[in-house]
């Protein structure tokens, strides 16, 4: 019997408000540590160090983070906060190469961890190893990438954003802003979530849009590729990037290319909120990565100790999309400066 069937047979109701189930526990933040190592549990936020009195667990968080992508620092900070609260030893590792990410999941299985939280940017490459986790009796939850595949791969829960819906929302926003000729900048080929975003934009955008592929691990190359595209096509009026660091680079490309194109993006960080305030970036679509990391780790604790399934094993828990623009950026910036938005 798979995990979702097990959830139904036990009659678990959807628990979308996951945080409420752990409201009696005090949140304590943890500082980041290097990939593949245990998170520092001393904390750096000044919050009280309340912890669950449940038995110590070990949870592996395995993502497709590429070097220099600060988005994942926010995901990890949320995961570390939940780990500190729930008396969990968190082991973080990451690799943008799907085969290497699968090997990291295998390492977690070999270490006999109590739970695994994993991103599914390239789900087919993880199918086999996730089957091994299920055979080993290790509960697995998905986060961030893989909304269309988490149930097919036997995962227990999923926490993230519907990337197609988010893309469609951004496309409608471009229409409202009067955009006519846009480019969607994809920084990682083969990442299904990124492709879904651009496909979603194309579904609702009434103007012309094309995809531009760049090497997201080489930011100077990203800048030069976008700059060249802007010089080649002076009719481009909007650039859509799929991550905050790439949006900031796109702003530089607009200046260097002598273009009047506006920049809109998916995802957020503290630098980007400042750019929105200044008007360098029109808006961002926020999927709340801190919440994804926090809920994924907390979900494994709830399953281990309470038998809870968020979404009843049938529905994902959505953390976005939400627009951040000049109308609300000041309120969001306060949290972004702390690394929680």
Foldseek 3Di string as FASTA:
>chain_A
DFQLVVLVVVPFAADLVLVVVVVVWWWFWFAADDAQDWTHLPGDPPGDQTADPDDEFEEEEEEADFPPACLVVLLVRLLRRLCSHHNYTYGGHHHNDLLVSLVVLVVCVVVVGQEYEYEPQPPVSNLVSLVVCVVSVHAYEYEAHDQPCCVVSRHQAYEWAPLLVLLLVVLVVCVVVVFAEEEEEAQDPSRVSSVSNPVSSVVRHPHHYYYDYFNNNDLVRLLVSLLVVCLVDQSHAEYEYEGDVSQVSNLVSCVVNVHNHAYEYEADALVVLVCQQVVNHAKYWHQFSSCRSNCRNNQSSCCVPPVHGHRSSPHHNGRDTDMDHNVCSVVVSVVRVVSRD
